[in-house]
Protein backbone atom coordinates (compact mmCIF):
# COMPACT_ATOMS: atom_id res chain seq x y z
CA MET A 1 -47.67 44.38 8.67
CA PHE A 2 -49.22 47.91 9.51
CA ASN A 3 -47.22 49.69 12.29
CA THR A 4 -46.94 53.55 13.64
CA PHE A 5 -44.81 54.38 10.58
CA SER A 6 -47.80 53.05 8.28
CA LEU A 7 -50.06 55.75 9.77
CA VAL A 8 -46.97 58.58 9.92
CA PHE A 9 -47.00 57.75 5.80
CA LEU A 10 -50.32 57.70 5.60
CA ALA A 11 -50.86 60.80 7.22
CA ALA A 12 -48.05 62.63 5.35
CA LEU A 13 -49.68 61.46 2.11
CA LEU A 14 -53.04 62.36 3.17
CA VAL A 15 -51.31 66.04 4.14
CA MET A 16 -49.71 66.22 0.71
CA CYS A 17 -52.80 65.16 -1.52
CA ALA A 18 -55.24 67.58 0.71
CA LEU A 19 -52.83 70.52 0.47
CA ARG A 20 -52.13 70.15 -3.66
CA VAL A 21 -55.54 69.75 -3.89
CA TRP A 22 -56.42 72.72 -1.81
CA LEU A 23 -53.92 74.74 -3.89
CA ALA A 24 -54.79 73.72 -7.29
CA GLN A 25 -58.86 74.26 -6.60
CA ARG A 26 -57.47 77.92 -5.31
CA GLN A 27 -55.62 78.49 -8.63
CA ILE A 28 -58.71 77.52 -10.80
CA THR A 29 -60.93 80.00 -8.84
CA HIS A 30 -58.68 82.47 -8.70
CA VAL A 31 -58.07 82.59 -12.89
CA LEU A 32 -61.29 82.36 -13.63
CA ALA A 33 -62.69 85.16 -11.31
CA HIS A 34 -60.18 87.77 -13.17
CA ARG A 35 -60.86 85.66 -16.69
CA GLY A 36 -63.17 88.47 -17.91
CA ARG A 37 -60.51 91.35 -17.35
CA VAL A 38 -56.92 92.12 -18.64
CA PRO A 39 -55.18 93.26 -15.59
CA GLU A 40 -54.76 97.02 -15.47
CA ASP A 41 -50.73 96.65 -15.55
CA PHE A 42 -50.99 95.01 -19.12
CA ALA A 43 -54.00 96.48 -20.53
CA GLY A 44 -52.76 98.21 -24.33
CA ARG A 45 -50.13 95.22 -24.11
CA VAL A 46 -52.66 92.28 -23.88
CA ASP A 47 -55.80 91.53 -25.51
CA LEU A 48 -58.76 90.33 -23.99
CA LYS A 49 -58.71 87.29 -25.94
CA THR A 50 -55.07 86.18 -25.52
CA HIS A 51 -55.24 86.93 -21.55
CA GLN A 52 -58.80 84.57 -21.64
CA LYS A 53 -56.79 81.92 -23.53
CA ALA A 54 -54.17 81.92 -20.90
CA ALA A 55 -56.99 81.39 -18.02
CA ASP A 56 -58.24 78.51 -19.73
CA TYR A 57 -54.99 77.32 -20.46
CA THR A 58 -54.28 77.45 -16.89
CA VAL A 59 -57.35 75.96 -15.81
CA ALA A 60 -57.24 72.86 -17.79
CA ARG A 61 -53.60 72.25 -16.84
CA SER A 62 -54.70 72.52 -12.81
CA ARG A 63 -58.02 70.33 -13.33
CA PHE A 64 -55.67 67.60 -15.07
CA GLY A 65 -53.33 67.69 -12.41
CA ARG A 66 -56.04 66.40 -9.91
CA THR A 67 -56.29 63.58 -12.45
CA GLY A 68 -52.37 63.01 -12.76
CA LEU A 69 -52.54 63.49 -8.74
CA ALA A 70 -54.90 60.51 -8.19
CA VAL A 71 -52.84 58.23 -10.63
CA GLU A 72 -49.86 58.99 -8.39
CA VAL A 73 -51.60 58.37 -5.37
CA ALA A 74 -52.84 55.24 -6.74
CA MET A 75 -49.58 53.82 -8.03
CA LEU A 76 -47.67 54.85 -4.78
CA LEU A 77 -50.09 53.27 -2.50
CA ALA A 78 -50.20 50.15 -4.86
CA PHE A 79 -46.89 49.62 -4.76
CA THR A 80 -46.19 49.72 -1.26
CA LEU A 81 -48.83 49.33 1.13
CA GLY A 82 -50.71 47.48 -1.21
CA GLY A 83 -48.11 44.75 -1.87
CA GLY A 84 -46.79 45.49 -5.49
CA LEU A 85 -43.61 45.76 -4.57
CA GLN A 86 -43.46 42.69 -2.84
CA ILE A 87 -44.77 40.83 -5.43
CA LEU A 88 -42.01 42.16 -7.77
CA HIS A 89 -39.45 41.14 -4.93
CA ASP A 90 -41.09 37.43 -5.34
CA PHE A 91 -41.12 36.93 -8.62
CA TRP A 92 -37.51 38.22 -9.20
CA SER A 93 -35.95 36.66 -6.15
CA ALA A 94 -37.04 33.17 -7.33
CA ARG A 95 -35.26 34.06 -10.60
CA LEU A 96 -32.19 36.23 -9.66
CA ASP A 97 -30.12 37.13 -6.94
CA GLY A 98 -27.31 39.53 -6.30
CA LEU A 99 -26.92 42.73 -8.41
CA PRO A 100 -28.82 41.21 -11.14
CA TYR A 101 -32.24 41.05 -8.93
CA GLY A 102 -31.70 44.58 -7.63
CA VAL A 103 -31.64 46.02 -11.34
CA ALA A 104 -34.65 43.82 -12.56
CA LEU A 105 -36.86 44.81 -9.40
CA ILE A 106 -35.91 48.35 -10.02
CA PHE A 107 -36.40 48.31 -13.52
CA SER A 108 -39.87 46.83 -13.20
CA VAL A 109 -40.83 49.79 -10.97
CA LEU A 110 -40.12 51.90 -13.37
CA LEU A 111 -41.99 50.27 -16.48
CA ILE A 112 -44.79 49.83 -14.63
CA SER A 113 -44.59 53.87 -13.73
CA ALA A 114 -43.70 54.40 -17.33
CA ILE A 115 -46.55 52.54 -18.50
CA VAL A 116 -49.09 53.95 -16.45
CA ASP A 117 -48.06 57.31 -17.19
CA LEU A 118 -48.16 56.87 -20.80
CA PRO A 119 -51.98 57.55 -21.02
CA LEU A 120 -51.62 60.79 -19.40
CA SER A 121 -48.60 62.23 -21.43
CA LEU A 122 -50.74 61.37 -24.19
CA TYR A 123 -53.90 63.26 -23.11
CA HIS A 124 -51.56 66.39 -22.31
CA GLN A 125 -49.56 66.40 -25.56
CA PHE A 126 -52.18 65.36 -27.78
CA VAL A 127 -55.28 66.97 -25.94
CA ILE A 128 -54.80 69.68 -23.82
CA GLU A 129 -51.38 70.99 -26.01
CA LYS A 130 -53.61 71.01 -28.80
CA GLU A 131 -56.51 72.22 -27.75
CA PHE A 132 -54.79 75.68 -27.26
CA SER A 133 -52.49 75.08 -30.62
CA PHE A 134 -49.19 74.34 -28.72
CA ASN A 135 -48.71 70.87 -30.01
CA ARG A 136 -46.77 70.57 -33.08
CA MET A 137 -45.48 67.00 -32.36
CA THR A 138 -46.67 64.20 -34.29
CA LEU A 139 -47.89 60.38 -32.48
CA ARG A 140 -44.48 59.18 -34.28
CA ILE A 141 -42.30 61.73 -32.84
CA PHE A 142 -43.84 60.87 -29.69
CA LEU A 143 -43.11 57.85 -29.69
CA ALA A 144 -39.85 57.80 -30.85
CA ASP A 145 -38.85 60.20 -28.31
CA HIS A 146 -40.43 57.59 -25.48
CA LEU A 147 -37.83 55.11 -27.67
CA LYS A 148 -34.65 57.03 -27.26
CA GLN A 149 -35.41 57.64 -23.49
CA ALA A 150 -35.81 54.42 -22.55
CA ILE A 151 -32.49 53.35 -24.82
CA LEU A 152 -30.71 55.94 -22.62
CA ALA A 153 -31.86 54.66 -19.73
CA ILE A 154 -31.10 51.40 -20.11
CA VAL A 155 -27.45 52.41 -21.60
CA ILE A 156 -26.49 54.96 -18.61
CA GLY A 157 -28.95 53.80 -15.85
CA THR A 158 -27.77 49.63 -15.91
CA PRO A 159 -24.14 50.35 -15.53
CA ALA A 160 -24.79 53.19 -12.87
CA LEU A 161 -27.36 51.05 -10.91
CA LEU A 162 -24.71 48.25 -10.99
CA ALA A 163 -22.58 50.87 -9.50
CA VAL A 164 -25.00 51.80 -6.58
CA LEU A 165 -26.03 48.29 -5.95
CA TRP A 166 -22.54 47.25 -5.80
CA LEU A 167 -21.10 50.27 -3.62
CA MET A 168 -24.39 49.57 -0.96
CA ALA A 169 -23.35 45.87 -0.79
CA ARG A 170 -19.63 46.27 -0.11
CA MET A 171 -18.73 49.76 1.49
CA GLY A 172 -20.10 48.66 5.12
CA GLU A 173 -21.99 51.74 7.16
CA LEU A 174 -20.23 54.49 5.42
CA TRP A 175 -22.08 53.48 2.07
CA TRP A 176 -24.12 55.85 1.64
CA LEU A 177 -21.06 57.97 1.22
CA TYR A 178 -19.61 56.47 -1.26
CA VAL A 179 -22.82 56.62 -3.27
CA TRP A 180 -23.16 60.17 -2.62
CA LEU A 181 -19.88 60.85 -4.37
CA PHE A 182 -20.55 58.48 -7.45
CA TRP A 183 -24.03 59.98 -8.03
CA CYS A 184 -22.49 63.87 -7.76
CA THR A 185 -19.72 62.45 -10.35
CA LEU A 186 -22.07 61.01 -12.70
CA ASN A 187 -24.43 64.36 -12.73
CA LEU A 188 -21.59 66.09 -13.53
CA LEU A 189 -20.53 64.22 -16.30
CA LEU A 190 -24.26 64.10 -17.47
CA LEU A 191 -23.88 67.94 -17.48
CA PHE A 192 -21.17 67.58 -19.74
CA ILE A 193 -21.72 65.33 -22.17
CA TYR A 194 -25.70 66.40 -22.31
CA PRO A 195 -25.44 68.83 -25.16
CA THR A 196 -22.99 67.08 -27.32
CA TRP A 197 -23.91 63.85 -26.98
CA ILE A 198 -27.30 63.48 -25.67
CA ALA A 199 -29.45 66.90 -26.77
CA PRO A 200 -28.87 65.94 -30.74
CA LEU A 201 -30.80 62.57 -30.15
CA PHE A 202 -33.99 64.52 -29.94
CA ASN A 203 -33.39 68.33 -31.29
CA LYS A 204 -31.51 69.59 -34.20
CA PHE A 205 -29.17 72.36 -33.41
CA VAL A 206 -27.67 74.67 -36.13
CA PRO A 207 -25.34 77.75 -35.79
CA LEU A 208 -27.20 81.04 -35.43
CA ASP A 209 -27.00 82.73 -38.94
CA ASP A 210 -28.35 86.00 -38.63
CA PRO A 211 -25.49 88.37 -39.02
CA ARG A 212 -27.30 91.25 -37.18
CA LEU A 213 -28.42 89.35 -34.56
CA ARG A 214 -25.25 87.45 -34.01
CA ALA A 215 -23.44 90.44 -33.97
CA ARG A 216 -25.50 92.20 -31.54
CA VAL A 217 -25.33 89.30 -29.26
CA GLU A 218 -21.81 88.84 -29.24
CA ALA A 219 -21.25 92.82 -28.56
CA LEU A 220 -23.07 91.71 -25.23
CA LEU A 221 -21.23 88.64 -24.18
CA ASP A 222 -18.26 91.14 -24.77
CA ARG A 223 -19.71 93.78 -22.37
CA CYS A 224 -20.25 91.12 -19.55
CA GLY A 225 -16.87 89.76 -19.53
CA PHE A 226 -18.39 86.15 -20.99
CA ALA A 227 -16.11 83.94 -23.27
CA SER A 228 -17.56 83.32 -26.51
CA SER A 229 -19.86 80.03 -26.59
CA ASP A 230 -21.57 78.49 -29.68
CA LEU A 231 -24.58 80.50 -30.68
CA LEU A 232 -27.01 77.62 -31.86
CA VAL A 233 -30.95 77.25 -33.16
CA MET A 234 -33.09 74.39 -31.67
CA ASP A 235 -35.93 73.21 -33.74
CA GLY A 236 -38.37 73.66 -31.00
CA SER A 237 -41.31 74.13 -33.45
CA LYS A 238 -41.20 70.56 -34.15
CA ARG A 239 -42.97 69.92 -31.02
CA SER A 240 -44.15 72.61 -29.75
CA ASN A 241 -44.99 76.38 -30.13
CA HIS A 242 -43.39 77.23 -26.43
CA GLY A 243 -40.39 79.39 -26.94
CA ASN A 244 -37.38 79.26 -24.72
CA ALA A 245 -33.82 80.61 -24.46
CA TYR A 246 -30.91 78.63 -22.29
CA PHE A 247 -27.44 78.36 -21.36
CA THR A 248 -26.44 74.78 -21.09
CA GLY A 249 -23.13 72.81 -20.95
CA PHE A 250 -19.68 73.36 -19.00
CA GLY A 251 -16.05 74.28 -20.24
CA LYS A 252 -15.17 73.43 -24.16
CA THR A 253 -19.34 72.17 -24.09
CA LYS A 254 -20.81 75.69 -22.87
CA ARG A 255 -23.71 76.91 -25.63
CA ILE A 256 -26.42 79.49 -25.90
CA VAL A 257 -29.36 77.93 -27.01
CA PHE A 258 -32.19 79.85 -29.01
CA PHE A 259 -36.03 78.06 -29.76
CA ASP A 260 -36.89 78.88 -33.41
CA THR A 261 -40.12 79.93 -31.70
CA LEU A 262 -38.40 82.70 -29.97
CA LEU A 263 -36.24 84.25 -32.46
CA GLY A 264 -39.59 84.16 -34.89
CA ARG A 265 -41.71 86.26 -32.14
CA LEU A 266 -38.90 88.83 -30.71
CA GLN A 267 -36.98 91.38 -32.31
CA ALA A 268 -33.42 91.64 -31.89
CA VAL A 269 -33.50 93.98 -28.99
CA GLU A 270 -35.70 91.59 -27.18
CA VAL A 271 -33.54 88.60 -27.81
CA GLU A 272 -31.03 90.75 -26.34
CA ALA A 273 -32.83 91.46 -23.20
CA VAL A 274 -33.61 87.75 -22.83
CA LEU A 275 -30.05 86.63 -23.47
CA ALA A 276 -28.63 89.41 -20.95
CA HIS A 277 -31.07 87.85 -18.38
CA GLU A 278 -29.37 84.21 -18.86
CA LEU A 279 -26.48 85.84 -18.37
CA GLY A 280 -27.34 87.11 -15.08
CA HIS A 281 -27.71 83.42 -14.01
CA PHE A 282 -24.00 82.74 -15.09
CA LYS A 283 -22.98 85.90 -13.32
CA HIS A 284 -24.44 85.28 -10.09
CA ARG A 285 -23.55 81.35 -10.45
CA HIS A 286 -27.05 80.44 -9.93
CA VAL A 287 -26.49 76.88 -11.54
CA GLN A 288 -23.45 76.46 -9.93
CA LYS A 289 -25.55 77.04 -6.47
CA ARG A 290 -28.41 75.18 -7.64
CA ILE A 291 -26.22 72.16 -8.28
CA GLY A 292 -24.62 72.90 -4.55
CA MET A 293 -27.75 72.75 -3.10
CA LEU A 294 -28.77 69.62 -4.89
CA PHE A 295 -25.83 67.77 -4.02
CA VAL A 296 -26.05 68.74 -0.28
CA LEU A 297 -29.49 67.94 -0.29
CA SER A 298 -29.01 64.53 -1.52
CA LEU A 299 -26.68 63.81 0.95
CA GLY A 300 -28.54 64.47 3.73
CA PHE A 301 -31.71 61.95 1.77
CA LEU A 302 -28.97 59.31 1.39
CA ALA A 303 -27.62 59.91 5.24
CA ILE A 304 -31.42 59.19 6.15
CA LEU A 305 -31.73 56.09 3.86
CA GLY A 306 -28.17 54.81 5.36
CA GLN A 307 -30.38 54.51 8.72
CA LEU A 308 -33.78 53.01 7.24
CA ILE A 309 -31.91 50.51 5.23
CA ASP A 310 -31.66 48.31 7.98
CA ALA A 311 -34.61 49.27 9.91
CA GLY A 312 -37.62 46.51 9.85
CA TRP A 313 -40.03 49.07 10.71
CA PHE A 314 -39.24 51.02 7.55
CA PHE A 315 -40.11 47.79 5.41
CA ASN A 316 -43.05 46.45 7.16
CA GLY A 317 -44.73 50.27 7.57
CA LEU A 318 -44.83 50.57 3.73
CA GLY A 319 -46.35 46.81 2.88
CA LEU A 320 -43.25 44.76 2.77
CA THR A 321 -42.08 41.51 4.98
CA SER A 322 -38.91 41.27 2.75
CA GLN A 323 -35.69 43.34 3.25
CA ASN A 324 -33.16 44.29 1.70
CA THR A 325 -31.07 47.26 -0.03
CA ALA A 326 -32.37 47.16 -3.54
CA LEU A 327 -35.95 47.27 -1.82
CA GLY A 328 -34.79 49.87 0.70
CA LEU A 329 -33.73 52.25 -2.30
CA VAL A 330 -36.84 51.51 -4.08
CA LEU A 331 -39.17 52.29 -0.89
CA PHE A 332 -37.05 55.36 0.06
CA PHE A 333 -37.47 57.10 -3.91
CA LEU A 334 -41.21 56.15 -3.66
CA ALA A 335 -42.07 57.48 -0.47
CA GLY A 336 -39.43 60.30 -0.02
CA PRO A 337 -41.11 62.99 -2.14
CA VAL A 338 -44.22 62.64 0.15
CA PHE A 339 -42.09 63.84 2.93
CA ALA A 340 -40.36 65.96 0.67
CA PHE A 341 -42.88 67.90 -0.53
CA LEU A 342 -43.08 70.94 1.97
CA LEU A 343 -39.56 71.77 0.85
CA THR A 344 -41.42 72.92 -2.26
CA PRO A 345 -42.12 76.47 -1.29
CA LEU A 346 -38.40 76.95 0.03
CA LEU A 347 -37.11 75.78 -3.09
CA SER A 348 -39.46 77.66 -5.18
CA LEU A 349 -38.49 81.09 -2.90
CA LEU A 350 -34.70 80.43 -3.95
CA SER A 351 -35.82 80.15 -7.46
CA ARG A 352 -37.63 83.67 -7.36
CA ARG A 353 -34.84 85.12 -5.64
CA ASP A 354 -32.84 84.21 -8.50
CA GLU A 355 -34.77 85.22 -11.15
CA PHE A 356 -35.48 88.68 -9.80
CA GLN A 357 -31.49 89.06 -9.38
CA ALA A 358 -31.05 87.90 -13.40
CA ASP A 359 -33.57 90.50 -14.51
CA ARG A 360 -31.86 93.39 -12.20
CA TYR A 361 -28.71 92.04 -14.34
CA ALA A 362 -30.20 92.29 -17.69
CA ALA A 363 -31.88 96.09 -16.64
CA THR A 364 -28.18 97.19 -16.44
CA HIS A 365 -26.50 95.35 -19.26
CA ALA A 366 -29.32 95.15 -21.62
CA SER A 367 -32.61 97.62 -21.72
CA ALA A 368 -35.28 97.10 -18.68
CA SER A 369 -37.94 97.86 -21.23
CA ASP A 370 -37.27 95.71 -24.10
CA LEU A 371 -36.57 92.67 -21.22
CA VAL A 372 -40.04 93.77 -20.72
CA ALA A 373 -41.74 93.33 -23.76
CA ALA A 374 -39.63 90.37 -24.36
CA LEU A 375 -41.85 88.84 -21.56
CA VAL A 376 -45.33 89.95 -22.55
CA LYS A 377 -44.58 88.12 -25.92
CA MET A 378 -43.22 85.36 -23.97
CA TYR A 379 -46.58 85.17 -21.32
CA GLU A 380 -48.71 85.52 -24.25
CA ASP A 381 -47.08 82.52 -26.46
CA ASN A 382 -46.67 80.27 -23.79
CA ALA A 383 -50.14 81.41 -22.12
CA ALA A 384 -48.67 81.93 -19.15
CA THR A 385 -51.54 83.69 -16.54
CA LEU A 386 -50.98 87.24 -15.47
CA THR A 387 -53.40 86.28 -12.58
CA PRO A 388 -52.35 83.66 -10.80
CA ASP A 389 -53.25 82.94 -7.24
CA PRO A 390 -51.05 84.27 -4.63
CA LEU A 391 -50.85 81.34 -2.41
CA HIS A 392 -50.62 78.80 -5.37
CA SER A 393 -47.72 80.63 -6.45
CA LEU A 394 -45.69 81.33 -3.37
CA PHE A 395 -46.07 77.52 -3.24
CA TYR A 396 -45.32 76.57 -6.44
CA ASP A 397 -44.14 79.24 -8.90
CA SER A 398 -40.21 79.09 -10.26
CA HIS A 399 -40.90 82.23 -11.71
CA PRO A 400 -42.00 85.56 -10.05
CA PRO A 401 -46.00 86.41 -11.17
CA ALA A 402 -45.65 88.57 -14.08
CA ALA A 403 -47.23 91.79 -12.54
CA LEU A 404 -44.96 92.03 -9.94
CA ARG A 405 -41.43 91.17 -11.96
CA ILE A 406 -42.54 93.27 -14.55
CA ALA A 407 -43.07 96.52 -12.19
CA ARG A 408 -39.78 95.88 -10.73
CA LEU A 409 -38.32 95.97 -14.16
CA GLN A 410 -40.21 99.34 -14.55
CA ASN A 411 -38.76 100.96 -11.54
CA ALA A 412 -34.92 99.63 -12.32
C-alpha cells in the first residue's frame, strides 16, 4: 500500500515537524536569554516583573505547543498510514451509502479529532491560562461553549457538506469550480450573519454607554469619513483577562466591538488611537484583500483536489485501499496543511505589512504617542513577549515585534 507518494508525504511531514520544533526551541532559548532585563526601549514603561511574566508565559505556551504538535502528528498518521480512515470507511460503507455515508464519515473524523483535542484545550485553559492569571472561564462556560460549537457545526455543517458532496458527484470534471463558488458564497453569508446571529450565542454585547468616549469615537469616525456603526462592548472578562477591539460584519451588520477588559485598562485617548488603527485596516481594505487572497488560494487548492480525486496513488499513498469523493475530501484536508505549511511566512509577512499600514493611519488620524501607550499596556495585559526570536517572529508573527512597531510609530 506504500508508494512513492507515501515517502513524499512522510518527508514533508518530517520537514514540517523539524522546522516547528526548531523554531519553538529558538523562541524558548531567545526569550529566556533576555528574561533578566527589560529592553532599553521599554525601560520605565514596563517593569521587570511584568517582562518576566511575559517571558514565562511565552515559554510555557511554546513548550505546550510541542505537546500539541506530537498529538497532531500522531492523529494524522493514525488516520492516514495507520489505517484509521479506512476503518471508518469500512464501518460506514456497510451501513450507509451516497450522501449520508459521506456526511457520517466526515463528522466521524471531526468528532474523533475534537475528542482528542479536548484534554489539550482543558489544560491550556485551566492550567496555563490560570497559572498566568488570564483565565476567568468556568468549566460550565467551557463545556457550554463546546456544546454550542457542536450544535452550530451540525446545523450549518450538515447542509453545507451535503451540498459539497452533491456538487462533487453531479457536476462532472469541473465540480471543484462549483464547490469553490458555493464555498465562497457560504463564507460571505457567514461573515454577514456572524455579528448578529452567531456571536451573541457566546457573548453579551451592549451599547457603549460612556458618553465622553462615545463622543470621541464618533468624532474620529467622522474625521475619517467612516459611516457610523454600532459601538458595542463585549463581556470578554467572562472568559479571559485578555483585551482587544475589532471590527466585524458587512453592510448593515457592520459594528465596532470593544472588550470590556480593554476599556477598563486604557484611557479614552488610547482607545481612540486603537480604534484609529482598526479604521486603518478598513481604509486600506485589508479585510477585503485577505478574503480575496483566501478565495484565490482555496480555488487553487480545490483545483489540485480536482486532479487528485481520481488518482489511485493519492489514496493508496495515504493508507487507503478504497477510493471515493468523501474519502478524497477528508484526505486532502488532513494532508494538505503539511504541504501548505511553508506558506506560513508569506502570510505572516503580508499580515505584518497590513499592521504597519494601519499604524501609520492611526498616527495620522489620532496620536502616535497615544497608540504607543496603548500598545505597551496591551503587551503587558496579554503578556506578549518584548523579546521574540527574530526568526520565529519572521516565520509566525502576524504582528510586528513590539520594539520595531513602536520605533516606527515614534518616528512617524
